[in-house]
């Protein structure tokens, strides 16, 4: 398993949210699934990051009441916070993707050179 650096964590979380609104636990599951379990973002890293992204205006939030299956319809459920990629977040994600592509291209130039194999 690989630990994500802060900048990579932001890129990964924003890219998951580009697929649609989600909540914290589902985001961590999506990250693990998309990375075949190589990346893991724990709750202690995920929620402060989501709070930071919200404060920066990169994500918007809403609340939903969730009830357990078979629960009393009159009983109140627990609250679940949903995160949605904002237009500003989409622009930030696009910048991250472009920077990643440029870095990958530069690294590929070094890795594909004949001197890299000697």
PDB file of N, CA and C in Angstrom:
ATOM      1  N   UNK A   1       0.849  -1.183   0.000  1.00  0.00           N
ATOM      2  CA  UNK A   1       0.000   0.000   0.000  1.00  0.00           C
ATOM      3  C   UNK A   1       0.889   1.239   0.000  1.00  0.00           C
ATOM      4  N   UNK A   2       0.497   2.243  -0.752  1.00  0.00           N
ATOM      5  CA  UNK A   2       1.237   3.492  -0.854  1.00  0.00           C
ATOM      6  C   UNK A   2       0.498   4.602  -0.116  1.00  0.00           C
ATOM      7  N   UNK A   3       1.255   5.437   0.562  1.00  0.00           N
ATOM      8  CA  UNK A   3       0.649   6.597   1.210  1.00  0.00           C
ATOM      9  C   UNK A   3       0.605   7.736   0.213  1.00  0.00           C
ATOM     10  N   UNK A   4      -0.513   8.422   0.175  1.00  0.00           N
ATOM     11  CA  UNK A   4      -0.674   9.550  -0.736  1.00  0.00           C
ATOM     12  C   UNK A   4      -0.135  10.818  -0.107  1.00  0.00           C
ATOM     13  N   UNK A   5       0.625  11.594  -0.876  1.00  0.00           N
ATOM     14  CA  UNK A   5       1.043  12.909  -0.417  1.00  0.00           C
ATOM     15  C   UNK A   5      -0.168  13.831  -0.506  1.00  0.00           C
ATOM     16  N   UNK A   6      -0.124  14.935   0.207  1.00  0.00           N
ATOM     17  CA  UNK A   6      -1.260  15.856   0.267  1.00  0.00           C
ATOM     18  C   UNK A   6      -1.740  16.277  -1.117  1.00  0.00           C
ATOM     19  N   UNK A   7      -0.806  16.658  -1.993  1.00  0.00           N
ATOM     20  CA  UNK A   7      -1.190  17.113  -3.326  1.00  0.00           C
ATOM     21  C   UNK A   7      -1.846  15.984  -4.120  1.00  0.00           C
ATOM     22  N   UNK A   8      -1.334  14.772  -3.973  1.00  0.00           N
ATOM     23  CA  UNK A   8      -1.921  13.625  -4.652  1.00  0.00           C
ATOM     24  C   UNK A   8      -3.291  13.288  -4.066  1.00  0.00           C
ATOM     25  N   UNK A   9      -3.416  13.426  -2.764  1.00  0.00           N
ATOM     26  CA  UNK A   9      -4.703  13.151  -2.117  1.00  0.00           C
ATOM     27  C   UNK A   9      -5.774  14.083  -2.663  1.00  0.00           C
ATOM     28  N   UNK A  10      -5.432  15.353  -2.834  1.00  0.00           N
ATOM     29  CA  UNK A  10      -6.381  16.315  -3.380  1.00  0.00           C
ATOM     30  C   UNK A  10      -6.796  15.904  -4.788  1.00  0.00           C
ATOM     31  N   UNK A  11      -5.823  15.550  -5.614  1.00  0.00           N
ATOM     32  CA  UNK A  11      -6.109  15.121  -6.982  1.00  0.00           C
ATOM     33  C   UNK A  11      -7.021  13.899  -6.997  1.00  0.00           C
ATOM     34  N   UNK A  12      -6.723  12.935  -6.164  1.00  0.00           N
ATOM     35  CA  UNK A  12      -7.499  11.690  -6.135  1.00  0.00           C
ATOM     36  C   UNK A  12      -8.927  11.952  -5.659  1.00  0.00           C
ATOM     37  N   UNK A  13      -9.085  12.723  -4.592  1.00  0.00           N
ATOM     38  CA  UNK A  13     -10.425  13.006  -4.061  1.00  0.00           C
ATOM     39  C   UNK A  13     -11.249  13.802  -5.071  1.00  0.00           C
ATOM     40  N   UNK A  14     -10.662  14.828  -5.658  1.00  0.00           N
ATOM     41  CA  UNK A  14     -11.393  15.616  -6.652  1.00  0.00           C
ATOM     42  C   UNK A  14     -11.785  14.757  -7.847  1.00  0.00           C
ATOM     43  N   UNK A  15     -10.902  13.840  -8.246  1.00  0.00           N
ATOM     44  CA  UNK A  15     -11.231  12.986  -9.395  1.00  0.00           C
ATOM     45  C   UNK A  15     -12.361  12.018  -9.065  1.00  0.00           C
ATOM     46  N   UNK A  16     -12.411  11.525  -7.840  1.00  0.00           N
ATOM     47  CA  UNK A  16     -13.539  10.668  -7.432  1.00  0.00           C
ATOM     48  C   UNK A  16     -14.831  11.476  -7.474  1.00  0.00           C
ATOM     49  N   UNK A  17     -14.785  12.710  -6.984  1.00  0.00           N
ATOM     50  CA  UNK A  17     -15.986  13.547  -6.971  1.00  0.00           C
ATOM     51  C   UNK A  17     -16.390  13.998  -8.374  1.00  0.00           C
ATOM     52  N   UNK A  18     -15.460  13.945  -9.330  1.00  0.00           N
ATOM     53  CA  UNK A  18     -15.809  14.269 -10.724  1.00  0.00           C
ATOM     54  C   UNK A  18     -16.785  13.229 -11.277  1.00  0.00           C
ATOM     55  N   UNK A  19     -16.799  12.035 -10.678  1.00  0.00           N
ATOM     56  CA  UNK A  19     -17.739  10.980 -11.088  1.00  0.00           C
ATOM     57  C   UNK A  19     -19.139  11.215 -10.540  1.00  0.00           C
ATOM     58  N   UNK A  20     -19.266  12.123  -9.568  1.00  0.00           N
ATOM     59  CA  UNK A  20     -20.568  12.431  -8.986  1.00  0.00           C
ATOM     60  C   UNK A  20     -20.453  12.639  -7.487  1.00  0.00           C
ATOM     61  N   UNK A  21     -21.498  13.210  -6.872  1.00  0.00           N
ATOM     62  CA  UNK A  21     -21.480  13.458  -5.429  1.00  0.00           C
ATOM     63  C   UNK A  21     -21.252  12.166  -4.645  1.00  0.00           C
ATOM     64  N   UNK A  22     -20.594  12.307  -3.505  1.00  0.00           N
ATOM     65  CA  UNK A  22     -20.329  11.146  -2.667  1.00  0.00           C
ATOM     66  C   UNK A  22     -20.140  11.609  -1.226  1.00  0.00           C
ATOM     67  N   UNK A  23     -20.052  10.652  -0.326  1.00  0.00           N
ATOM     68  CA  UNK A  23     -19.805  10.947   1.085  1.00  0.00           C
ATOM     69  C   UNK A  23     -18.466  10.317   1.473  1.00  0.00           C
ATOM     70  N   UNK A  24     -17.922  10.726   2.608  1.00  0.00           N
ATOM     71  CA  UNK A  24     -16.563  10.365   3.007  1.00  0.00           C
ATOM     72  C   UNK A  24     -16.218   8.893   2.905  1.00  0.00           C
ATOM     73  N   UNK A  25     -17.007   8.041   3.528  1.00  0.00           N
ATOM     74  CA  UNK A  25     -16.707   6.612   3.522  1.00  0.00           C
ATOM     75  C   UNK A  25     -16.718   6.059   2.100  1.00  0.00           C
ATOM     76  N   UNK A  26     -17.676   6.465   1.288  1.00  0.00           N
ATOM     77  CA  UNK A  26     -17.750   5.994  -0.095  1.00  0.00           C
ATOM     78  C   UNK A  26     -16.550   6.495  -0.909  1.00  0.00           C
ATOM     79  N   UNK A  27     -16.064   7.689  -0.605  1.00  0.00           N
ATOM     80  CA  UNK A  27     -14.882   8.212  -1.292  1.00  0.00           C
ATOM     81  C   UNK A  27     -13.673   7.341  -0.968  1.00  0.00           C
ATOM     82  N   UNK A  28     -13.494   6.989   0.305  1.00  0.00           N
ATOM     83  CA  UNK A  28     -12.358   6.135   0.676  1.00  0.00           C
ATOM     84  C   UNK A  28     -12.453   4.776  -0.012  1.00  0.00           C
ATOM     85  N   UNK A  29     -13.646   4.234  -0.116  1.00  0.00           N
ATOM     86  CA  UNK A  29     -13.847   2.954  -0.800  1.00  0.00           C
ATOM     87  C   UNK A  29     -13.539   3.076  -2.291  1.00  0.00           C
ATOM     88  N   UNK A  30     -13.963   4.176  -2.910  1.00  0.00           N
ATOM     89  CA  UNK A  30     -13.702   4.390  -4.337  1.00  0.00           C
ATOM     90  C   UNK A  30     -12.200   4.513  -4.600  1.00  0.00           C
ATOM     91  N   UNK A  31     -11.494   5.206  -3.721  1.00  0.00           N
ATOM     92  CA  UNK A  31     -10.040   5.350  -3.871  1.00  0.00           C
ATOM     93  C   UNK A  31      -9.367   3.987  -3.791  1.00  0.00           C
ATOM     94  N   UNK A  32      -9.747   3.203  -2.806  1.00  0.00           N
ATOM     95  CA  UNK A  32      -9.164   1.861  -2.661  1.00  0.00           C
ATOM     96  C   UNK A  32      -9.484   0.994  -3.879  1.00  0.00           C
ATOM     97  N   UNK A  33     -10.725   1.070  -4.365  1.00  0.00           N
ATOM     98  CA  UNK A  33     -11.137   0.242  -5.507  1.00  0.00           C
ATOM     99  C   UNK A  33     -10.412   0.660  -6.785  1.00  0.00           C
ATOM    100  N   UNK A  34     -10.347   1.975  -7.048  1.00  0.00           N
ATOM    101  CA  UNK A  34      -9.714   2.447  -8.280  1.00  0.00           C
ATOM    102  C   UNK A  34      -8.208   2.209  -8.286  1.00  0.00           C
ATOM    103  N   UNK A  35      -7.611   2.065  -7.114  1.00  0.00           N
ATOM    104  CA  UNK A  35      -6.165   1.843  -7.032  1.00  0.00           C
ATOM    105  C   UNK A  35      -5.828   0.379  -6.742  1.00  0.00           C
ATOM    106  N   UNK A  36      -6.838  -0.492  -6.854  1.00  0.00           N
ATOM    107  CA  UNK A  36      -6.651  -1.913  -6.529  1.00  0.00           C
ATOM    108  C   UNK A  36      -6.058  -2.094  -5.131  1.00  0.00           C
ATOM    109  N   UNK A  37      -6.462  -1.215  -4.221  1.00  0.00           N
ATOM    110  CA  UNK A  37      -6.026  -1.313  -2.830  1.00  0.00           C
ATOM    111  C   UNK A  37      -4.659  -0.725  -2.537  1.00  0.00           C
ATOM    112  N   UNK A  38      -4.008  -0.127  -3.544  1.00  0.00           N
ATOM    113  CA  UNK A  38      -2.673   0.433  -3.327  1.00  0.00           C
ATOM    114  C   UNK A  38      -2.706   1.766  -2.590  1.00  0.00           C
ATOM    115  N   UNK A  39      -3.760   2.539  -2.783  1.00  0.00           N
ATOM    116  CA  UNK A  39      -3.909   3.814  -2.085  1.00  0.00           C
ATOM    117  C   UNK A  39      -4.987   3.661  -1.031  1.00  0.00           C
ATOM    118  N   UNK A  40      -4.697   4.205   0.132  1.00  0.00           N
ATOM    119  CA  UNK A  40      -5.703   4.199   1.182  1.00  0.00           C
ATOM    120  C   UNK A  40      -5.648   5.545   1.881  1.00  0.00           C
ATOM    121  N   UNK A  41      -6.799   6.149   2.020  1.00  0.00           N
ATOM    122  CA  UNK A  41      -6.905   7.415   2.730  1.00  0.00           C
ATOM    123  C   UNK A  41      -7.771   7.146   3.948  1.00  0.00           C
ATOM    124  N   UNK A  42      -7.175   7.230   5.120  1.00  0.00           N
ATOM    125  CA  UNK A  42      -7.898   6.943   6.350  1.00  0.00           C
ATOM    126  C   UNK A  42      -8.820   8.100   6.711  1.00  0.00           C
ATOM    127  N   UNK A  43      -9.732   7.843   7.623  1.00  0.00           N
ATOM    128  CA  UNK A  43     -10.660   8.884   8.078  1.00  0.00           C
ATOM    129  C   UNK A  43      -9.894  10.071   8.648  1.00  0.00           C
ATOM    130  N   UNK A  44      -8.779   9.806   9.336  1.00  0.00           N
ATOM    131  CA  UNK A  44      -8.009  10.902   9.930  1.00  0.00           C
ATOM    132  C   UNK A  44      -7.343  11.779   8.877  1.00  0.00           C
ATOM    133  N   UNK A  45      -7.194  11.267   7.670  1.00  0.00           N
ATOM    134  CA  UNK A  45      -6.669  12.073   6.574  1.00  0.00           C
ATOM    135  C   UNK A  45      -7.765  12.603   5.666  1.00  0.00           C
ATOM    136  N   UNK A  46      -8.817  11.806   5.513  1.00  0.00           N
ATOM    137  CA  UNK A  46      -9.898  12.147   4.579  1.00  0.00           C
ATOM    138  C   UNK A  46     -10.707  13.356   5.036  1.00  0.00           C
ATOM    139  N   UNK A  47     -11.193  13.324   6.262  1.00  0.00           N
ATOM    140  CA  UNK A  47     -12.129  14.371   6.686  1.00  0.00           C
ATOM    141  C   UNK A  47     -11.480  15.745   6.824  1.00  0.00           C
ATOM    142  N   UNK A  48     -10.250  15.843   7.339  1.00  0.00           N
ATOM    143  CA  UNK A  48      -9.608  17.172   7.312  1.00  0.00           C
ATOM    144  C   UNK A  48      -9.384  17.672   5.885  1.00  0.00           C
ATOM    145  N   UNK A  49      -9.067  16.762   4.962  1.00  0.00           N
ATOM    146  CA  UNK A  49      -8.885  17.151   3.565  1.00  0.00           C
ATOM    147  C   UNK A  49     -10.198  17.645   2.974  1.00  0.00           C
ATOM    148  N   UNK A  50     -11.289  16.930   3.226  1.00  0.00           N
ATOM    149  CA  UNK A  50     -12.596  17.368   2.714  1.00  0.00           C
ATOM    150  C   UNK A  50     -12.994  18.721   3.294  1.00  0.00           C
ATOM    151  N   UNK A  51     -12.708  18.941   4.563  1.00  0.00           N
ATOM    152  CA  UNK A  51     -12.990  20.235   5.194  1.00  0.00           C
ATOM    153  C   UNK A  51     -12.182  21.336   4.514  1.00  0.00           C
ATOM    154  N   UNK A  52     -10.907  21.052   4.254  1.00  0.00           N
ATOM    155  CA  UNK A  52     -10.042  22.024   3.571  1.00  0.00           C
ATOM    156  C   UNK A  52     -10.573  22.324   2.170  1.00  0.00           C
ATOM    157  N   UNK A  53     -10.966  21.286   1.432  1.00  0.00           N
ATOM    158  CA  UNK A  53     -11.488  21.479   0.084  1.00  0.00           C
ATOM    159  C   UNK A  53     -12.779  22.291   0.110  1.00  0.00           C
ATOM    160  N   UNK A  54     -13.604  22.065   1.128  1.00  0.00           N
ATOM    161  CA  UNK A  54     -14.842  22.832   1.272  1.00  0.00           C
ATOM    162  C   UNK A  54     -14.525  24.304   1.551  1.00  0.00           C
ATOM    163  N   UNK A  55     -13.586  24.563   2.452  1.00  0.00           N
ATOM    164  CA  UNK A  55     -13.214  25.943   2.780  1.00  0.00           C
ATOM    165  C   UNK A  55     -12.610  26.667   1.584  1.00  0.00           C
ATOM    166  N   UNK A  56     -11.930  25.916   0.716  1.00  0.00           N
ATOM    167  CA  UNK A  56     -11.323  26.502  -0.479  1.00  0.00           C
ATOM    168  C   UNK A  56     -12.344  26.692  -1.603  1.00  0.00           C
ATOM    169  N   UNK A  57     -13.554  26.188  -1.402  1.00  0.00           N
ATOM    170  CA  UNK A  57     -14.594  26.316  -2.414  1.00  0.00           C
ATOM    171  C   UNK A  57     -14.476  25.305  -3.552  1.00  0.00           C
ATOM    172  N   UNK A  58     -13.669  24.260  -3.341  1.00  0.00           N
ATOM    173  CA  UNK A  58     -13.480  23.251  -4.379  1.00  0.00           C
ATOM    174  C   UNK A  58     -14.585  22.196  -4.358  1.00  0.00           C
ATOM    175  N   UNK A  59     -15.235  22.052  -3.213  1.00  0.00           N
ATOM    176  CA  UNK A  59     -16.383  21.158  -3.091  1.00  0.00           C
ATOM    177  C   UNK A  59     -17.499  21.892  -2.368  1.00  0.00           C
ATOM    178  N   UNK A  60     -18.714  21.494  -2.650  1.00  0.00           N
ATOM    179  CA  UNK A  60     -19.865  21.985  -1.903  1.00  0.00           C
ATOM    180  C   UNK A  60     -20.427  20.793  -1.130  1.00  0.00           C
ATOM    181  N   UNK A  61     -21.215  21.089  -0.116  1.00  0.00           N
ATOM    182  CA  UNK A  61     -21.730  20.007   0.726  1.00  0.00           C
ATOM    183  C   UNK A  61     -23.234  20.134   0.932  1.00  0.00           C
ATOM    184  N   UNK A  62     -23.816  19.007   1.257  1.00  0.00           N
ATOM    185  CA  UNK A  62     -25.225  18.967   1.648  1.00  0.00           C
ATOM    186  C   UNK A  62     -25.379  17.806   2.618  1.00  0.00           C
ATOM    187  N   UNK A  63     -26.471  17.835   3.356  1.00  0.00           N
ATOM    188  CA  UNK A  63     -26.718  16.793   4.350  1.00  0.00           C
ATOM    189  C   UNK A  63     -27.927  15.963   3.954  1.00  0.00           C
ATOM    190  N   UNK A  64     -27.875  14.695   4.322  1.00  0.00           N
ATOM    191  CA  UNK A  64     -28.975  13.776   4.082  1.00  0.00           C
ATOM    192  C   UNK A  64     -29.202  12.979   5.370  1.00  0.00           C
ATOM    193  N   UNK A  65     -30.462  12.744   5.671  1.00  0.00           N
ATOM    194  CA  UNK A  65     -30.775  11.893   6.819  1.00  0.00           C
ATOM    195  C   UNK A  65     -30.848  10.450   6.334  1.00  0.00           C
ATOM    196  N   UNK A  66     -30.119   9.586   7.027  1.00  0.00           N
ATOM    197  CA  UNK A  66     -30.044   8.180   6.648  1.00  0.00           C
ATOM    198  C   UNK A  66     -30.629   7.334   7.769  1.00  0.00           C
ATOM    199  N   UNK A  67     -31.546   6.453   7.404  1.00  0.00           N
ATOM    200  CA  UNK A  67     -32.147   5.550   8.385  1.00  0.00           C
ATOM    201  C   UNK A  67     -31.777   4.116   8.038  1.00  0.00           C
ATOM    202  N   UNK A  68     -31.587   3.326   9.061  1.00  0.00           N
ATOM    203  CA  UNK A  68     -31.296   1.911   8.858  1.00  0.00           C
ATOM    204  C   UNK A  68     -32.522   1.226   8.253  1.00  0.00           C
ATOM    205  N   UNK A  69     -32.257   0.218   7.441  1.00  0.00           N
ATOM    206  CA  UNK A  69     -33.350  -0.528   6.826  1.00  0.00           C
ATOM    207  C   UNK A  69     -34.203  -1.147   7.931  1.00  0.00           C
ATOM    208  N   UNK A  70     -35.497  -0.991   7.828  1.00  0.00           N
ATOM    209  CA  UNK A  70     -36.414  -1.533   8.816  1.00  0.00           C
ATOM    210  C   UNK A  70     -36.578  -0.658  10.051  1.00  0.00           C
ATOM    211  N   UNK A  71     -35.958   0.530  10.042  1.00  0.00           N
ATOM    212  CA  UNK A  71     -36.064   1.428  11.198  1.00  0.00           C
ATOM    213  C   UNK A  71     -37.466   2.015  11.275  1.00  0.00           C
ATOM    214  N   UNK A  72     -37.839   2.423  12.457  1.00  0.00           N
ATOM    215  CA  UNK A  72     -39.125   3.077  12.684  1.00  0.00           C
ATOM    216  C   UNK A  72     -39.198   4.321  11.796  1.00  0.00           C
ATOM    217  N   UNK A  73     -40.232   4.436  10.962  1.00  0.00           N
ATOM    218  CA  UNK A  73     -40.329   5.581  10.054  1.00  0.00           C
ATOM    219  C   UNK A  73     -40.418   6.920  10.780  1.00  0.00           C
ATOM    220  N   UNK A  74     -40.873   6.905  12.025  1.00  0.00           N
ATOM    221  CA  UNK A  74     -40.982   8.150  12.785  1.00  0.00           C
ATOM    222  C   UNK A  74     -39.690   8.507  13.510  1.00  0.00           C
ATOM    223  N   UNK A  75     -38.779   7.550  13.603  1.00  0.00           N
ATOM    224  CA  UNK A  75     -37.508   7.812  14.295  1.00  0.00           C
ATOM    225  C   UNK A  75     -36.590   8.612  13.380  1.00  0.00           C
ATOM    226  N   UNK A  76     -35.790   9.458  13.996  1.00  0.00           N
ATOM    227  CA  UNK A  76     -34.836  10.225  13.190  1.00  0.00           C
ATOM    228  C   UNK A  76     -33.620   9.358  12.893  1.00  0.00           C
ATOM    229  N   UNK A  77     -33.027   9.603  11.748  1.00  0.00           N
ATOM    230  CA  UNK A  77     -31.846   8.858  11.346  1.00  0.00           C
ATOM    231  C   UNK A  77     -30.587   9.659  11.635  1.00  0.00           C
ATOM    232  N   UNK A  78     -29.498   9.119  11.202  1.00  0.00           N
ATOM    233  CA  UNK A  78     -28.236   9.848  11.365  1.00  0.00           C
ATOM    234  C   UNK A  78     -28.006  10.714  10.133  1.00  0.00           C
ATOM    235  N   UNK A  79     -27.157  11.709  10.273  1.00  0.00           N
ATOM    236  CA  UNK A  79     -26.874  12.640   9.179  1.00  0.00           C
ATOM    237  C   UNK A  79     -25.659  12.156   8.393  1.00  0.00           C
ATOM    238  N   UNK A  80     -25.734  12.279   7.079  1.00  0.00           N
ATOM    239  CA  UNK A  80     -24.613  11.950   6.196  1.00  0.00           C
ATOM    240  C   UNK A  80     -24.316  13.189   5.360  1.00  0.00           C
ATOM    241  N   UNK A  81     -23.037  13.566   5.355  1.00  0.00           N
ATOM    242  CA  UNK A  81     -22.604  14.742   4.602  1.00  0.00           C
ATOM    243  C   UNK A  81     -22.140  14.313   3.216  1.00  0.00           C
ATOM    244  N   UNK A  82     -22.736  14.926   2.199  1.00  0.00           N
ATOM    245  CA  UNK A  82     -22.399  14.647   0.805  1.00  0.00           C
ATOM    246  C   UNK A  82     -21.506  15.752   0.268  1.00  0.00           C
ATOM    247  N   UNK A  83     -20.551  15.373  -0.552  1.00  0.00           N
ATOM    248  CA  UNK A  83     -19.603  16.307  -1.157  1.00  0.00           C
ATOM    249  C   UNK A  83     -19.796  16.284  -2.673  1.00  0.00           C
ATOM    250  N   UNK A  84     -19.811  17.469  -3.269  1.00  0.00           N
ATOM    251  CA  UNK A  84     -19.987  17.623  -4.708  1.00  0.00           C
ATOM    252  C   UNK A  84     -18.876  18.515  -5.240  1.00  0.00           C
ATOM    253  N   UNK A  85     -18.297  18.133  -6.353  1.00  0.00           N
ATOM    254  CA  UNK A  85     -17.265  18.947  -6.988  1.00  0.00           C
ATOM    255  C   UNK A  85     -17.888  20.251  -7.476  1.00  0.00           C
ATOM    256  N   UNK A  86     -17.317  21.371  -7.075  1.00  0.00           N
ATOM    257  CA  UNK A  86     -17.818  22.682  -7.511  1.00  0.00           C
ATOM    258  C   UNK A  86     -17.168  23.046  -8.850  1.00  0.00           C
ATOM    259  N   UNK A  87     -17.689  24.065  -9.525  1.00  0.00           N
ATOM    260  CA  UNK A  87     -17.021  24.522 -10.765  1.00  0.00           C
ATOM    261  C   UNK A  87     -15.555  24.914 -10.512  1.00  0.00           C
ATOM    262  N   UNK A  88     -15.292  25.547  -9.384  1.00  0.00           N
ATOM    263  CA  UNK A  88     -13.913  25.908  -9.035  1.00  0.00           C
ATOM    264  C   UNK A  88     -13.085  24.634  -8.820  1.00  0.00           C
ATOM    265  N   UNK A  89     -13.686  23.632  -8.210  1.00  0.00           N
ATOM    266  CA  UNK A  89     -13.011  22.354  -8.007  1.00  0.00           C
ATOM    267  C   UNK A  89     -12.709  21.666  -9.325  1.00  0.00           C
ATOM    268  N   UNK A  90     -13.635  21.768 -10.282  1.00  0.00           N
ATOM    269  CA  UNK A  90     -13.417  21.170 -11.609  1.00  0.00           C
ATOM    270  C   UNK A  90     -12.215  21.819 -12.291  1.00  0.00           C
ATOM    271  N   UNK A  91     -12.118  23.158 -12.173  1.00  0.00           N
ATOM    272  CA  UNK A  91     -10.979  23.871 -12.760  1.00  0.00           C
ATOM    273  C   UNK A  91      -9.674  23.438 -12.095  1.00  0.00           C
ATOM    274  N   UNK A  92      -9.714  23.301 -10.773  1.00  0.00           N
ATOM    275  CA  UNK A  92      -8.533  22.867 -10.034  1.00  0.00           C
ATOM    276  C   UNK A  92      -8.132  21.450 -10.441  1.00  0.00           C
ATOM    277  N   UNK A  93      -9.105  20.571 -10.585  1.00  0.00           N
ATOM    278  CA  UNK A  93      -8.838  19.202 -11.019  1.00  0.00           C
ATOM    279  C   UNK A  93      -8.214  19.207 -12.410  1.00  0.00           C
ATOM    280  N   UNK A  94      -8.755  20.005 -13.315  1.00  0.00           N
ATOM    281  CA  UNK A  94      -8.194  20.088 -14.664  1.00  0.00           C
ATOM    282  C   UNK A  94      -6.738  20.554 -14.631  1.00  0.00           C
ATOM    283  N   UNK A  95      -6.421  21.514 -13.744  1.00  0.00           N
ATOM    284  CA  UNK A  95      -5.033  21.981 -13.598  1.00  0.00           C
ATOM    285  C   UNK A  95      -4.142  20.858 -13.082  1.00  0.00           C
ATOM    286  N   UNK A  96      -4.627  20.115 -12.091  1.00  0.00           N
ATOM    287  CA  UNK A  96      -3.864  18.976 -11.548  1.00  0.00           C
ATOM    288  C   UNK A  96      -3.600  17.944 -12.636  1.00  0.00           C
ATOM    289  N   UNK A  97      -4.621  17.647 -13.425  1.00  0.00           N
ATOM    290  CA  UNK A  97      -4.485  16.639 -14.489  1.00  0.00           C
ATOM    291  C   UNK A  97      -3.462  17.105 -15.520  1.00  0.00           C
ATOM    292  N   UNK A  98      -3.528  18.357 -15.929  1.00  0.00           N
ATOM    293  CA  UNK A  98      -2.585  18.887 -16.912  1.00  0.00           C
ATOM    294  C   UNK A  98      -1.159  18.858 -16.364  1.00  0.00           C
ATOM    295  N   UNK A  99      -0.973  19.258 -15.109  1.00  0.00           N
ATOM    296  CA  UNK A  99       0.361  19.229 -14.497  1.00  0.00           C
ATOM    297  C   UNK A  99       0.885  17.798 -14.428  1.00  0.00           C
ATOM    298  N   UNK A 100       0.013  16.865 -14.094  1.00  0.00           N
ATOM    299  CA  UNK A 100       0.404  15.456 -14.031  1.00  0.00           C
ATOM    300  C   UNK A 100       0.833  14.959 -15.411  1.00  0.00           C
ATOM    301  N   UNK A 101       0.077  15.304 -16.442  1.00  0.00           N
ATOM    302  CA  UNK A 101       0.412  14.882 -17.810  1.00  0.00           C
ATOM    303  C   UNK A 101       1.758  15.456 -18.247  1.00  0.00           C
ATOM    304  N   UNK A 102       1.999  16.720 -17.907  1.00  0.00           N
ATOM    305  CA  UNK A 102       3.275  17.337 -18.267  1.00  0.00           C
ATOM    306  C   UNK A 102       4.430  16.643 -17.552  1.00  0.00           C
ATOM    307  N   UNK A 103       4.272  16.365 -16.261  1.00  0.00           N
ATOM    308  CA  UNK A 103       5.318  15.694 -15.497  1.00  0.00           C
ATOM    309  C   UNK A 103       5.541  14.285 -16.033  1.00  0.00           C
ATOM    310  N   UNK A 104       4.463  13.585 -16.344  1.00  0.00           N
ATOM    311  CA  UNK A 104       4.583  12.232 -16.889  1.00  0.00           C
ATOM    312  C   UNK A 104       5.340  12.254 -18.219  1.00  0.00           C
ATOM    313  N   UNK A 105       5.031  13.233 -19.049  1.00  0.00           N
ATOM    314  CA  UNK A 105       5.719  13.357 -20.339  1.00  0.00           C
ATOM    315  C   UNK A 105       7.217  13.587 -20.119  1.00  0.00           C
ATOM    316  N   UNK A 106       7.562  14.481 -19.200  1.00  0.00           N
ATOM    317  CA  UNK A 106       8.973  14.750 -18.923  1.00  0.00           C
ATOM    318  C   UNK A 106       9.679  13.505 -18.401  1.00  0.00           C
ATOM    319  N   UNK A 107       9.046  12.803 -17.477  1.00  0.00           N
ATOM    320  CA  UNK A 107       9.648  11.587 -16.932  1.00  0.00           C
ATOM    321  C   UNK A 107       9.793  10.520 -18.006  1.00  0.00           C
ATOM    322  N   UNK A 108       8.799  10.400 -18.862  1.00  0.00           N
ATOM    323  CA  UNK A 108       8.866   9.422 -19.952  1.00  0.00           C
ATOM    324  C   UNK A 108      10.060   9.706 -20.862  1.00  0.00           C
ATOM    325  N   UNK A 109      10.381  10.986 -21.068  1.00  0.00           N
ATOM    326  CA  UNK A 109      11.543  11.334 -21.886  1.00  0.00           C
ATOM    327  C   UNK A 109      12.828  10.771 -21.283  1.00  0.00           C
ATOM    328  N   UNK A 110      12.940  10.796 -19.975  1.00  0.00           N
ATOM    329  CA  UNK A 110      14.125  10.264 -19.315  1.00  0.00           C
ATOM    330  C   UNK A 110      14.114   8.738 -19.285  1.00  0.00           C
ATOM    331  N   UNK A 111      12.963   8.181 -19.013  1.00  0.00           N
ATOM    332  CA  UNK A 111      12.875   6.728 -18.881  1.00  0.00           C
ATOM    333  C   UNK A 111      12.996   6.002 -20.210  1.00  0.00           C
ATOM    334  N   UNK A 112      12.644   6.661 -21.297  1.00  0.00           N
ATOM    335  CA  UNK A 112      12.702   6.010 -22.601  1.00  0.00           C
ATOM    336  C   UNK A 112      14.022   6.282 -23.325  1.00  0.00           C
ATOM    337  N   UNK A 113      14.900   7.071 -22.732  1.00  0.00           N
ATOM    338  CA  UNK A 113      16.168   7.362 -23.398  1.00  0.00           C
ATOM    339  C   UNK A 113      17.096   6.150 -23.296  1.00  0.00           C
ATOM    340  N   UNK A 114      17.965   5.962 -24.295  1.00  0.00           N
ATOM    341  CA  UNK A 114      18.879   4.807 -24.279  1.00  0.00           C
ATOM    342  C   UNK A 114      19.775   4.776 -23.051  1.00  0.00           C
ATOM    343  N   UNK A 115      20.168   5.937 -22.529  1.00  0.00           N
ATOM    344  CA  UNK A 115      21.058   5.947 -21.367  1.00  0.00           C
ATOM    345  C   UNK A 115      20.376   5.461 -20.104  1.00  0.00           C
ATOM    346  N   UNK A 116      19.027   5.431 -20.096  1.00  0.00           N
ATOM    347  CA  UNK A 116      18.301   4.956 -18.903  1.00  0.00           C
ATOM    348  C   UNK A 116      18.419   3.446 -18.740  1.00  0.00           C
ATOM    349  N   UNK A 117      18.809   2.753 -19.802  1.00  0.00           N
ATOM    350  CA  UNK A 117      18.895   1.287 -19.725  1.00  0.00           C
ATOM    351  C   UNK A 117      20.326   0.801 -19.572  1.00  0.00           C
ATOM    352  N   UNK A 118      21.295   1.703 -19.547  1.00  0.00           N
ATOM    353  CA  UNK A 118      22.695   1.260 -19.436  1.00  0.00           C
ATOM    354  C   UNK A 118      23.184   1.320 -18.038  1.00  0.00           C
TER     355      UNK A 118
END
